[in-house]
Amino acid sequence: MTTRRERFDDLVLDAADRLRPHLGTRYAGTEFAVQDVPPTDPAPWEEQVAPLGRLLRATASRTDRVVVYRRPVEARAQDDQDLADIVREVVTEQVAALLGVPPHELDPDADPDR
């Protein structure tokens, strides 16, 4: 039997797998991770509401990393389908930011007005 945490991890991996073809060779090493909650020291430009995800750009010691925050996403979801949709949206938005393109170019179902 899988745990709620494992199911969430699987949703993130599924969303990442859908977008991997867009990453090309330059971003092929991008990591996808799940953290329970965002850090408590938000950057000054971030909103005061808990973020659902974050893009951590590559440094000398790590590759680009897309992080999805499990608890804020779960708190926003109404049901399992909504949870899957929100995870897909968060991962798509972060990968779009990495690539410098609008999310709807990666996912036709993404809202172009967001």
PDB file of N, CA and C in Angstrom:
ATOM      1  N   MET A   1       0.838  -1.182   0.000  1.00  0.00           N
ATOM      2  CA  MET A   1       0.000   0.000   0.000  1.00  0.00           C
ATOM      3  C   MET A   1       0.889   1.253   0.000  1.00  0.00           C
ATOM      4  N   THR A   2       0.577   2.184  -0.886  1.00  0.00           N
ATOM      5  CA  THR A   2       1.385   3.394  -0.969  1.00  0.00           C
ATOM      6  C   THR A   2       0.842   4.457  -0.016  1.00  0.00           C
ATOM      7  N   THR A   3       1.742   5.265   0.480  1.00  0.00           N
ATOM      8  CA  THR A   3       1.350   6.333   1.391  1.00  0.00           C
ATOM      9  C   THR A   3       0.916   7.561   0.598  1.00  0.00           C
ATOM     10  N   ARG A   4       0.313   8.503   1.277  1.00  0.00           N
ATOM     11  CA  ARG A   4      -0.095   9.761   0.638  1.00  0.00           C
ATOM     12  C   ARG A   4       1.126  10.492   0.093  1.00  0.00           C
ATOM     13  N   ARG A   5       2.208  10.449   0.844  1.00  0.00           N
ATOM     14  CA  ARG A   5       3.453  11.099   0.417  1.00  0.00           C
ATOM     15  C   ARG A   5       3.988  10.443  -0.860  1.00  0.00           C
ATOM     16  N   GLU A   6       3.960   9.114  -0.919  1.00  0.00           N
ATOM     17  CA  GLU A   6       4.442   8.404  -2.108  1.00  0.00           C
ATOM     18  C   GLU A   6       3.568   8.711  -3.329  1.00  0.00           C
ATOM     19  N   ARG A   7       2.263   8.804  -3.115  1.00  0.00           N
ATOM     20  CA  ARG A   7       1.358   9.145  -4.231  1.00  0.00           C
ATOM     21  C   ARG A   7       1.653  10.554  -4.736  1.00  0.00           C
ATOM     22  N   PHE A   8       1.927  11.475  -3.815  1.00  0.00           N
ATOM     23  CA  PHE A   8       2.263  12.842  -4.205  1.00  0.00           C
ATOM     24  C   PHE A   8       3.564  12.847  -5.013  1.00  0.00           C
ATOM     25  N   ASP A   9       4.578  12.137  -4.519  1.00  0.00           N
ATOM     26  CA  ASP A   9       5.846  12.030  -5.249  1.00  0.00           C
ATOM     27  C   ASP A   9       5.612  11.511  -6.661  1.00  0.00           C
ATOM     28  N   ASP A  10       4.747  10.515  -6.785  1.00  0.00           N
ATOM     29  CA  ASP A  10       4.445   9.952  -8.106  1.00  0.00           C
ATOM     30  C   ASP A  10       3.787  10.983  -9.022  1.00  0.00           C
ATOM     31  N   LEU A  11       2.909  11.821  -8.466  1.00  0.00           N
ATOM     32  CA  LEU A  11       2.278  12.878  -9.273  1.00  0.00           C
ATOM     33  C   LEU A  11       3.327  13.839  -9.815  1.00  0.00           C
ATOM     34  N   VAL A  12       4.289  14.210  -8.957  1.00  0.00           N
ATOM     35  CA  VAL A  12       5.351  15.125  -9.393  1.00  0.00           C
ATOM     36  C   VAL A  12       6.200  14.466 -10.474  1.00  0.00           C
ATOM     37  N   LEU A  13       6.564  13.205 -10.280  1.00  0.00           N
ATOM     38  CA  LEU A  13       7.374  12.506 -11.278  1.00  0.00           C
ATOM     39  C   LEU A  13       6.629  12.354 -12.599  1.00  0.00           C
ATOM     40  N   ASP A  14       5.327  12.080 -12.536  1.00  0.00           N
ATOM     41  CA  ASP A  14       4.526  11.972 -13.763  1.00  0.00           C
ATOM     42  C   ASP A  14       4.497  13.305 -14.510  1.00  0.00           C
ATOM     43  N   ALA A  15       4.300  14.392 -13.759  1.00  0.00           N
ATOM     44  CA  ALA A  15       4.275  15.721 -14.385  1.00  0.00           C
ATOM     45  C   ALA A  15       5.637  16.038 -14.996  1.00  0.00           C
ATOM     46  N   ALA A  16       6.706  15.679 -14.290  1.00  0.00           N
ATOM     47  CA  ALA A  16       8.061  15.924 -14.805  1.00  0.00           C
ATOM     48  C   ALA A  16       8.313  15.108 -16.068  1.00  0.00           C
ATOM     49  N   ASP A  17       7.895  13.859 -16.063  1.00  0.00           N
ATOM     50  CA  ASP A  17       8.097  13.000 -17.233  1.00  0.00           C
ATOM     51  C   ASP A  17       7.386  13.558 -18.465  1.00  0.00           C
ATOM     52  N   ARG A  18       6.210  14.160 -18.276  1.00  0.00           N
ATOM     53  CA  ARG A  18       5.482  14.748 -19.403  1.00  0.00           C
ATOM     54  C   ARG A  18       6.257  15.904 -20.024  1.00  0.00           C
ATOM     55  N   LEU A  19       7.061  16.591 -19.201  1.00  0.00           N
ATOM     56  CA  LEU A  19       7.763  17.780 -19.685  1.00  0.00           C
ATOM     57  C   LEU A  19       9.207  17.519 -20.092  1.00  0.00           C
ATOM     58  N   ARG A  20       9.736  16.364 -19.780  1.00  0.00           N
ATOM     59  CA  ARG A  20      11.141  16.069 -20.096  1.00  0.00           C
ATOM     60  C   ARG A  20      11.500  16.289 -21.559  1.00  0.00           C
ATOM     61  N   PRO A  21      10.637  15.947 -22.511  1.00  0.00           N
ATOM     62  CA  PRO A  21      10.995  16.204 -23.912  1.00  0.00           C
ATOM     63  C   PRO A  21      11.269  17.686 -24.206  1.00  0.00           C
ATOM     64  N   HIS A  22      10.674  18.584 -23.438  1.00  0.00           N
ATOM     65  CA  HIS A  22      10.882  20.014 -23.652  1.00  0.00           C
ATOM     66  C   HIS A  22      12.224  20.490 -23.090  1.00  0.00           C
ATOM     67  N   LEU A  23      12.817  19.723 -22.194  1.00  0.00           N
ATOM     68  CA  LEU A  23      14.034  20.173 -21.518  1.00  0.00           C
ATOM     69  C   LEU A  23      15.266  20.121 -22.410  1.00  0.00           C
ATOM     70  N   GLY A  24      15.242  19.261 -23.415  1.00  0.00           N
ATOM     71  CA  GLY A  24      16.389  19.158 -24.319  1.00  0.00           C
ATOM     72  C   GLY A  24      17.659  18.762 -23.585  1.00  0.00           C
ATOM     73  N   THR A  25      18.767  18.852 -24.248  1.00  0.00           N
ATOM     74  CA  THR A  25      20.028  18.429 -23.633  1.00  0.00           C
ATOM     75  C   THR A  25      20.542  19.438 -22.621  1.00  0.00           C
ATOM     76  N   ARG A  26      20.259  20.724 -22.854  1.00  0.00           N
ATOM     77  CA  ARG A  26      20.768  21.755 -21.936  1.00  0.00           C
ATOM     78  C   ARG A  26      20.221  21.591 -20.523  1.00  0.00           C
ATOM     79  N   TYR A  27      18.961  21.198 -20.401  1.00  0.00           N
ATOM     80  CA  TYR A  27      18.323  21.078 -19.093  1.00  0.00           C
ATOM     81  C   TYR A  27      17.991  19.631 -18.735  1.00  0.00           C
ATOM     82  N   ALA A  28      18.610  18.690 -19.418  1.00  0.00           N
ATOM     83  CA  ALA A  28      18.317  17.274 -19.191  1.00  0.00           C
ATOM     84  C   ALA A  28      18.590  16.842 -17.757  1.00  0.00           C
ATOM     85  N   GLY A  29      19.518  17.490 -17.087  1.00  0.00           N
ATOM     86  CA  GLY A  29      19.854  17.115 -15.718  1.00  0.00           C
ATOM     87  C   GLY A  29      18.977  17.750 -14.660  1.00  0.00           C
ATOM     88  N   THR A  30      17.932  18.470 -15.077  1.00  0.00           N
ATOM     89  CA  THR A  30      17.054  19.133 -14.115  1.00  0.00           C
ATOM     90  C   THR A  30      16.489  18.105 -13.140  1.00  0.00           C
ATOM     91  N   GLU A  31      16.556  18.440 -11.858  1.00  0.00           N
ATOM     92  CA  GLU A  31      16.021  17.569 -10.813  1.00  0.00           C
ATOM     93  C   GLU A  31      14.629  18.043 -10.423  1.00  0.00           C
ATOM     94  N   PHE A  32      13.804  17.100 -10.018  1.00  0.00           N
ATOM     95  CA  PHE A  32      12.461  17.398  -9.532  1.00  0.00           C
ATOM     96  C   PHE A  32      12.377  16.843  -8.122  1.00  0.00           C
ATOM     97  N   ALA A  33      11.954  17.688  -7.195  1.00  0.00           N
ATOM     98  CA  ALA A  33      11.952  17.296  -5.787  1.00  0.00           C
ATOM     99  C   ALA A  33      10.652  17.727  -5.122  1.00  0.00           C
ATOM    100  N   VAL A  34      10.378  17.081  -3.999  1.00  0.00           N
ATOM    101  CA  VAL A  34       9.226  17.428  -3.174  1.00  0.00           C
ATOM    102  C   VAL A  34       9.745  17.759  -1.784  1.00  0.00           C
ATOM    103  N   GLN A  35       9.269  18.862  -1.244  1.00  0.00           N
ATOM    104  CA  GLN A  35       9.514  19.204   0.151  1.00  0.00           C
ATOM    105  C   GLN A  35       8.151  19.399   0.798  1.00  0.00           C
ATOM    106  N   ASP A  36       8.060  19.083   2.077  1.00  0.00           N
ATOM    107  CA  ASP A  36       6.766  19.212   2.753  1.00  0.00           C
ATOM    108  C   ASP A  36       6.272  20.648   2.774  1.00  0.00           C
ATOM    109  N   VAL A  37       7.141  21.576   3.143  1.00  0.00           N
ATOM    110  CA  VAL A  37       6.761  22.985   3.247  1.00  0.00           C
ATOM    111  C   VAL A  37       7.887  23.847   2.695  1.00  0.00           C
ATOM    112  N   PRO A  38       7.543  25.065   2.276  1.00  0.00           N
ATOM    113  CA  PRO A  38       8.592  25.972   1.798  1.00  0.00           C
ATOM    114  C   PRO A  38       9.473  26.444   2.950  1.00  0.00           C
ATOM    115  N   PRO A  39      10.655  26.936   2.632  1.00  0.00           N
ATOM    116  CA  PRO A  39      11.507  27.485   3.686  1.00  0.00           C
ATOM    117  C   PRO A  39      10.809  28.650   4.383  1.00  0.00           C
ATOM    118  N   THR A  40      11.182  28.901   5.596  1.00  0.00           N
ATOM    119  CA  THR A  40      10.531  29.970   6.360  1.00  0.00           C
ATOM    120  C   THR A  40      11.128  31.334   6.075  1.00  0.00           C
ATOM    121  N   ASP A  41      12.134  31.395   5.229  1.00  0.00           N
ATOM    122  CA  ASP A  41      12.761  32.676   4.904  1.00  0.00           C
ATOM    123  C   ASP A  41      12.517  33.029   3.443  1.00  0.00           C
ATOM    124  N   PRO A  42      11.272  33.433   3.114  1.00  0.00           N
ATOM    125  CA  PRO A  42      10.986  33.749   1.707  1.00  0.00           C
ATOM    126  C   PRO A  42      11.798  34.939   1.231  1.00  0.00           C
ATOM    127  N   ALA A  43      12.074  34.905  -0.035  1.00  0.00           N
ATOM    128  CA  ALA A  43      12.764  36.038  -0.655  1.00  0.00           C
ATOM    129  C   ALA A  43      11.844  37.254  -0.575  1.00  0.00           C
ATOM    130  N   PRO A  44      12.388  38.445  -0.516  1.00  0.00           N
ATOM    131  CA  PRO A  44      11.563  39.640  -0.337  1.00  0.00           C
ATOM    132  C   PRO A  44      10.533  39.868  -1.433  1.00  0.00           C
ATOM    133  N   TRP A  45      10.768  39.340  -2.611  1.00  0.00           N
ATOM    134  CA  TRP A  45       9.828  39.551  -3.712  1.00  0.00           C
ATOM    135  C   TRP A  45       8.693  38.529  -3.714  1.00  0.00           C
ATOM    136  N   GLU A  46       8.774  37.509  -2.862  1.00  0.00           N
ATOM    137  CA  GLU A  46       7.734  36.489  -2.845  1.00  0.00           C
ATOM    138  C   GLU A  46       6.518  36.966  -2.060  1.00  0.00           C
ATOM    139  N   GLU A  47       5.384  36.423  -2.425  1.00  0.00           N
ATOM    140  CA  GLU A  47       4.144  36.753  -1.737  1.00  0.00           C
ATOM    141  C   GLU A  47       4.187  36.216  -0.315  1.00  0.00           C
ATOM    142  N   GLN A  48       3.304  36.707   0.513  1.00  0.00           N
ATOM    143  CA  GLN A  48       3.245  36.254   1.890  1.00  0.00           C
ATOM    144  C   GLN A  48       2.461  34.950   2.040  1.00  0.00           C
ATOM    145  N   VAL A  49       1.778  34.510   0.989  1.00  0.00           N
ATOM    146  CA  VAL A  49       1.124  33.206   1.021  1.00  0.00           C
ATOM    147  C   VAL A  49       2.170  32.140   0.720  1.00  0.00           C
ATOM    148  N   ALA A  50       1.924  30.946   1.210  1.00  0.00           N
ATOM    149  CA  ALA A  50       2.884  29.862   0.997  1.00  0.00           C
ATOM    150  C   ALA A  50       2.963  29.525  -0.494  1.00  0.00           C
ATOM    151  N   PRO A  51       4.159  29.540  -1.056  1.00  0.00           N
ATOM    152  CA  PRO A  51       4.304  29.165  -2.466  1.00  0.00           C
ATOM    153  C   PRO A  51       4.039  27.671  -2.646  1.00  0.00           C
ATOM    154  N   LEU A  52       3.610  27.307  -3.834  1.00  0.00           N
ATOM    155  CA  LEU A  52       3.341  25.899  -4.148  1.00  0.00           C
ATOM    156  C   LEU A  52       4.564  25.216  -4.735  1.00  0.00           C
ATOM    157  N   GLY A  53       5.476  25.999  -5.282  1.00  0.00           N
ATOM    158  CA  GLY A  53       6.681  25.441  -5.872  1.00  0.00           C
ATOM    159  C   GLY A  53       7.717  26.518  -6.066  1.00  0.00           C
ATOM    160  N   ARG A  54       8.889  26.082  -6.463  1.00  0.00           N
ATOM    161  CA  ARG A  54       9.992  27.023  -6.670  1.00  0.00           C
ATOM    162  C   ARG A  54      10.987  26.422  -7.652  1.00  0.00           C
ATOM    163  N   LEU A  55      11.583  27.306  -8.432  1.00  0.00           N
ATOM    164  CA  LEU A  55      12.674  26.924  -9.315  1.00  0.00           C
ATOM    165  C   LEU A  55      13.969  27.377  -8.674  1.00  0.00           C
ATOM    166  N   LEU A  56      14.869  26.457  -8.452  1.00  0.00           N
ATOM    167  CA  LEU A  56      16.199  26.778  -7.941  1.00  0.00           C
ATOM    168  C   LEU A  56      17.164  26.627  -9.113  1.00  0.00           C
ATOM    169  N   ARG A  57      17.717  27.738  -9.539  1.00  0.00           N
ATOM    170  CA  ARG A  57      18.633  27.724 -10.677  1.00  0.00           C
ATOM    171  C   ARG A  57      19.923  27.006 -10.329  1.00  0.00           C
ATOM    172  N   ALA A  58      20.554  26.485 -11.338  1.00  0.00           N
ATOM    173  CA  ALA A  58      21.809  25.748 -11.161  1.00  0.00           C
ATOM    174  C   ALA A  58      22.877  26.650 -10.548  1.00  0.00           C
ATOM    175  N   THR A  59      23.706  26.020  -9.749  1.00  0.00           N
ATOM    176  CA  THR A  59      24.888  26.690  -9.201  1.00  0.00           C
ATOM    177  C   THR A  59      26.088  25.825  -9.570  1.00  0.00           C
ATOM    178  N   ALA A  60      27.249  26.212  -9.096  1.00  0.00           N
ATOM    179  CA  ALA A  60      28.455  25.419  -9.383  1.00  0.00           C
ATOM    180  C   ALA A  60      28.348  24.021  -8.787  1.00  0.00           C
ATOM    181  N   SER A  61      27.539  23.868  -7.734  1.00  0.00           N
ATOM    182  CA  SER A  61      27.485  22.575  -7.052  1.00  0.00           C
ATOM    183  C   SER A  61      26.183  21.803  -7.259  1.00  0.00           C
ATOM    184  N   ARG A  62      25.224  22.357  -8.021  1.00  0.00           N
ATOM    185  CA  ARG A  62      23.970  21.610  -8.241  1.00  0.00           C
ATOM    186  C   ARG A  62      23.344  22.008  -9.569  1.00  0.00           C
ATOM    187  N   THR A  63      22.550  21.099 -10.094  1.00  0.00           N
ATOM    188  CA  THR A  63      21.821  21.347 -11.338  1.00  0.00           C
ATOM    189  C   THR A  63      20.550  22.133 -11.032  1.00  0.00           C
ATOM    190  N   ASP A  64      19.857  22.560 -12.082  1.00  0.00           N
ATOM    191  CA  ASP A  64      18.563  23.205 -11.890  1.00  0.00           C
ATOM    192  C   ASP A  64      17.644  22.237 -11.149  1.00  0.00           C
ATOM    193  N   ARG A  65      16.796  22.799 -10.285  1.00  0.00           N
ATOM    194  CA  ARG A  65      15.907  21.948  -9.489  1.00  0.00           C
ATOM    195  C   ARG A  65      14.539  22.608  -9.393  1.00  0.00           C
ATOM    196  N   VAL A  66      13.521  21.823  -9.684  1.00  0.00           N
ATOM    197  CA  VAL A  66      12.139  22.241  -9.502  1.00  0.00           C
ATOM    198  C   VAL A  66      11.648  21.566  -8.223  1.00  0.00           C
ATOM    199  N   VAL A  67      11.165  22.392  -7.292  1.00  0.00           N
ATOM    200  CA  VAL A  67      10.683  21.876  -6.013  1.00  0.00           C
ATOM    201  C   VAL A  67       9.184  22.145  -5.916  1.00  0.00           C
ATOM    202  N   VAL A  68       8.431  21.123  -5.516  1.00  0.00           N
ATOM    203  CA  VAL A  68       6.999  21.263  -5.268  1.00  0.00           C
ATOM    204  C   VAL A  68       6.786  21.078  -3.765  1.00  0.00           C
ATOM    205  N   TYR A  69       6.030  21.984  -3.164  1.00  0.00           N
ATOM    206  CA  TYR A  69       5.779  21.940  -1.720  1.00  0.00           C
ATOM    207  C   TYR A  69       4.470  21.207  -1.452  1.00  0.00           C
ATOM    208  N   ARG A  70       4.599  20.018  -0.872  1.00  0.00           N
ATOM    209  CA  ARG A  70       3.473  19.099  -0.716  1.00  0.00           C
ATOM    210  C   ARG A  70       2.325  19.661   0.113  1.00  0.00           C
ATOM    211  N   ARG A  71       2.596  20.134   1.295  1.00  0.00           N
ATOM    212  CA  ARG A  71       1.492  20.543   2.174  1.00  0.00           C
ATOM    213  C   ARG A  71       0.682  21.720   1.633  1.00  0.00           C
ATOM    214  N   PRO A  72       1.319  22.785   1.120  1.00  0.00           N
ATOM    215  CA  PRO A  72       0.496  23.862   0.540  1.00  0.00           C
ATOM    216  C   PRO A  72      -0.329  23.399  -0.662  1.00  0.00           C
ATOM    217  N   VAL A  73       0.224  22.505  -1.469  1.00  0.00           N
ATOM    218  CA  VAL A  73      -0.534  21.987  -2.618  1.00  0.00           C
ATOM    219  C   VAL A  73      -1.706  21.153  -2.127  1.00  0.00           C
ATOM    220  N   GLU A  74      -1.463  20.256  -1.173  1.00  0.00           N
ATOM    221  CA  GLU A  74      -2.549  19.425  -0.650  1.00  0.00           C
ATOM    222  C   GLU A  74      -3.637  20.285  -0.001  1.00  0.00           C
ATOM    223  N   ALA A  75      -3.243  21.357   0.679  1.00  0.00           N
ATOM    224  CA  ALA A  75      -4.217  22.220   1.338  1.00  0.00           C
ATOM    225  C   ALA A  75      -5.126  22.925   0.331  1.00  0.00           C
ATOM    226  N   ARG A  76      -4.613  23.181  -0.844  1.00  0.00           N
ATOM    227  CA  ARG A  76      -5.384  23.878  -1.871  1.00  0.00           C
ATOM    228  C   ARG A  76      -6.295  22.935  -2.653  1.00  0.00           C
ATOM    229  N   ALA A  77      -5.958  21.659  -2.724  1.00  0.00           N
ATOM    230  CA  ALA A  77      -6.701  20.702  -3.552  1.00  0.00           C
ATOM    231  C   ALA A  77      -8.028  20.301  -2.904  1.00  0.00           C
ATOM    232  N   GLN A  78      -9.047  20.201  -3.744  1.00  0.00           N
ATOM    233  CA  GLN A  78     -10.373  19.788  -3.284  1.00  0.00           C
ATOM    234  C   GLN A  78     -10.546  18.262  -3.273  1.00  0.00           C
ATOM    235  N   ASP A  79      -9.848  17.586  -4.200  1.00  0.00           N
ATOM    236  CA  ASP A  79      -9.954  16.134  -4.311  1.00  0.00           C
ATOM    237  C   ASP A  79      -8.717  15.617  -5.043  1.00  0.00           C
ATOM    238  N   ASP A  80      -8.668  14.317  -5.284  1.00  0.00           N
ATOM    239  CA  ASP A  80      -7.489  13.719  -5.908  1.00  0.00           C
ATOM    240  C   ASP A  80      -7.222  14.259  -7.315  1.00  0.00           C
ATOM    241  N   GLN A  81      -8.276  14.464  -8.094  1.00  0.00           N
ATOM    242  CA  GLN A  81      -8.085  14.998  -9.448  1.00  0.00           C
ATOM    243  C   GLN A  81      -7.572  16.432  -9.393  1.00  0.00           C
ATOM    244  N   ASP A  82      -8.112  17.217  -8.489  1.00  0.00           N
ATOM    245  CA  ASP A  82      -7.654  18.595  -8.311  1.00  0.00           C
ATOM    246  C   ASP A  82      -6.187  18.607  -7.886  1.00  0.00           C
ATOM    247  N   LEU A  83      -5.818  17.686  -7.010  1.00  0.00           N
ATOM    248  CA  LEU A  83      -4.427  17.580  -6.567  1.00  0.00           C
ATOM    249  C   LEU A  83      -3.513  17.308  -7.756  1.00  0.00           C
ATOM    250  N   ALA A  84      -3.883  16.354  -8.592  1.00  0.00           N
ATOM    251  CA  ALA A  84      -3.079  16.027  -9.774  1.00  0.00           C
ATOM    252  C   ALA A  84      -2.979  17.230 -10.712  1.00  0.00           C
ATOM    253  N   ASP A  85      -4.086  17.959 -10.876  1.00  0.00           N
ATOM    254  CA  ASP A  85      -4.089  19.138 -11.750  1.00  0.00           C
ATOM    255  C   ASP A  85      -3.175  20.237 -11.208  1.00  0.00           C
ATOM    256  N   ILE A  86      -3.235  20.459  -9.896  1.00  0.00           N
ATOM    257  CA  ILE A  86      -2.404  21.507  -9.303  1.00  0.00           C
ATOM    258  C   ILE A  86      -0.930  21.138  -9.417  1.00  0.00           C
ATOM    259  N   VAL A  87      -0.586  19.890  -9.146  1.00  0.00           N
ATOM    260  CA  VAL A  87       0.809  19.454  -9.273  1.00  0.00           C
ATOM    261  C   VAL A  87       1.287  19.662 -10.705  1.00  0.00           C
ATOM    262  N   ARG A  88       0.485  19.252 -11.674  1.00  0.00           N
ATOM    263  CA  ARG A  88       0.862  19.425 -13.084  1.00  0.00           C
ATOM    264  C   ARG A  88       1.070  20.905 -13.405  1.00  0.00           C
ATOM    265  N   GLU A  89       0.185  21.753 -12.903  1.00  0.00           N
ATOM    266  CA  GLU A  89       0.284  23.188 -13.155  1.00  0.00           C
ATOM    267  C   GLU A  89       1.547  23.778 -12.527  1.00  0.00           C
ATOM    268  N   VAL A  90       1.839  23.397 -11.291  1.00  0.00           N
ATOM    269  CA  VAL A  90       3.027  23.928 -10.603  1.00  0.00           C
ATOM    270  C   VAL A  90       4.298  23.502 -11.333  1.00  0.00           C
ATOM    271  N   VAL A  91       4.389  22.229 -11.675  1.00  0.00           N
ATOM    272  CA  VAL A  91       5.583  21.739 -12.371  1.00  0.00           C
ATOM    273  C   VAL A  91       5.707  22.421 -13.730  1.00  0.00           C
ATOM    274  N   THR A  92       4.600  22.559 -14.442  1.00  0.00           N
ATOM    275  CA  THR A  92       4.628  23.222 -15.750  1.00  0.00           C
ATOM    276  C   THR A  92       5.088  24.669 -15.623  1.00  0.00           C
ATOM    277  N   GLU A  93       4.565  25.391 -14.631  1.00  0.00           N
ATOM    278  CA  GLU A  93       4.958  26.794 -14.437  1.00  0.00           C
ATOM    279  C   GLU A  93       6.448  26.921 -14.142  1.00  0.00           C
ATOM    280  N   GLN A  94       6.982  26.032 -13.323  1.00  0.00           N
ATOM    281  CA  GLN A  94       8.396  26.122 -12.960  1.00  0.00           C
ATOM    282  C   GLN A  94       9.299  25.759 -14.134  1.00  0.00           C
ATOM    283  N   VAL A  95       8.929  24.741 -14.886  1.00  0.00           N
ATOM    284  CA  VAL A  95       9.719  24.368 -16.070  1.00  0.00           C
ATOM    285  C   VAL A  95       9.631  25.476 -17.117  1.00  0.00           C
ATOM    286  N   ALA A  96       8.460  26.086 -17.271  1.00  0.00           N
ATOM    287  CA  ALA A  96       8.320  27.203 -18.206  1.00  0.00           C
ATOM    288  C   ALA A  96       9.237  28.359 -17.795  1.00  0.00           C
ATOM    289  N   ALA A  97       9.316  28.621 -16.491  1.00  0.00           N
ATOM    290  CA  ALA A  97      10.217  29.679 -16.011  1.00  0.00           C
ATOM    291  C   ALA A  97      11.667  29.318 -16.320  1.00  0.00           C
ATOM    292  N   LEU A  98      12.020  28.077 -16.149  1.00  0.00           N
ATOM    293  CA  LEU A  98      13.381  27.617 -16.451  1.00  0.00           C
ATOM    294  C   LEU A  98      13.707  27.843 -17.922  1.00  0.00           C
ATOM    295  N   LEU A  99      12.766  27.522 -18.788  1.00  0.00           N
ATOM    296  CA  LEU A  99      12.987  27.615 -20.226  1.00  0.00           C
ATOM    297  C   LEU A  99      12.712  29.008 -20.792  1.00  0.00           C
ATOM    298  N   GLY A 100      12.094  29.870 -19.998  1.00  0.00           N
ATOM    299  CA  GLY A 100      11.783  31.212 -20.475  1.00  0.00           C
ATOM    300  C   GLY A 100      10.656  31.256 -21.493  1.00  0.00           C
ATOM    301  N   VAL A 101       9.676  30.384 -21.312  1.00  0.00           N
ATOM    302  CA  VAL A 101       8.523  30.348 -22.216  1.00  0.00           C
ATOM    303  C   VAL A 101       7.238  30.393 -21.387  1.00  0.00           C
ATOM    304  N   PRO A 102       6.119  30.783 -22.000  1.00  0.00           N
ATOM    305  CA  PRO A 102       4.857  30.753 -21.264  1.00  0.00           C
ATOM    306  C   PRO A 102       4.419  29.301 -21.013  1.00  0.00           C
ATOM    307  N   PRO A 103       3.773  29.033 -19.869  1.00  0.00           N
ATOM    308  CA  PRO A 103       3.359  27.655 -19.557  1.00  0.00           C
ATOM    309  C   PRO A 103       2.509  26.992 -20.625  1.00  0.00           C
ATOM    310  N   HIS A 104       1.646  27.763 -21.309  1.00  0.00           N
ATOM    311  CA  HIS A 104       0.769  27.132 -22.308  1.00  0.00           C
ATOM    312  C   HIS A 104       1.542  26.598 -23.517  1.00  0.00           C
ATOM    313  N   GLU A 105       2.804  27.010 -23.687  1.00  0.00           N
ATOM    314  CA  GLU A 105       3.614  26.412 -24.757  1.00  0.00           C
ATOM    315  C   GLU A 105       4.023  24.984 -24.414  1.00  0.00           C
ATOM    316  N   LEU A 106       4.097  24.682 -23.123  1.00  0.00           N
ATOM    317  CA  LEU A 106       4.460  23.341 -22.681  1.00  0.00           C
ATOM    318  C   LEU A 106       3.247  22.460 -22.433  1.00  0.00           C
ATOM    319  N   ASP A 107       2.157  23.087 -22.018  1.00  0.00           N
ATOM    320  CA  ASP A 107       0.930  22.351 -21.692  1.00  0.00           C
ATOM    321  C   ASP A 107      -0.233  23.135 -22.284  1.00  0.00           C
ATOM    322  N   PRO A 108      -0.831  22.630 -23.354  1.00  0.00           N
ATOM    323  CA  PRO A 108      -1.921  23.361 -24.000  1.00  0.00           C
ATOM    324  C   PRO A 108      -3.102  23.641 -23.063  1.00  0.00           C
ATOM    325  N   ASP A 109      -3.216  22.847 -21.985  1.00  0.00           N
ATOM    326  CA  ASP A 109      -4.315  23.058 -21.041  1.00  0.00           C
ATOM    327  C   ASP A 109      -4.013  24.165 -20.036  1.00  0.00           C
ATOM    328  N   ALA A 110      -2.773  24.651 -20.017  1.00  0.00           N
ATOM    329  CA  ALA A 110      -2.407  25.716 -19.072  1.00  0.00           C
ATOM    330  C   ALA A 110      -3.132  27.000 -19.447  1.00  0.00           C
ATOM    331  N   ASP A 111      -3.539  27.747 -18.443  1.00  0.00           N
ATOM    332  CA  ASP A 111      -4.245  28.998 -18.667  1.00  0.00           C
ATOM    333  C   ASP A 111      -3.248  30.079 -19.115  1.00  0.00           C
ATOM    334  N   PRO A 112      -3.360  30.578 -20.348  1.00  0.00           N
ATOM    335  CA  PRO A 112      -2.390  31.565 -20.836  1.00  0.00           C
ATOM    336  C   PRO A 112      -2.494  32.918 -20.125  1.00  0.00           C
ATOM    337  N   ASP A 113      -3.576  33.154 -19.395  1.00  0.00           N
ATOM    338  CA  ASP A 113      -3.757  34.433 -18.701  1.00  0.00           C
ATOM    339  C   ASP A 113      -3.260  34.420 -17.261  1.00  0.00           C
ATOM    340  N   ARG A 114      -2.669  33.338 -16.813  1.00  0.00           N
ATOM    341  CA  ARG A 114      -2.162  33.278 -15.435  1.00  0.00           C
ATOM    342  C   ARG A 114      -0.846  33.963 -15.334  1.00  0.00           C
TER     343      ARG A 114
END
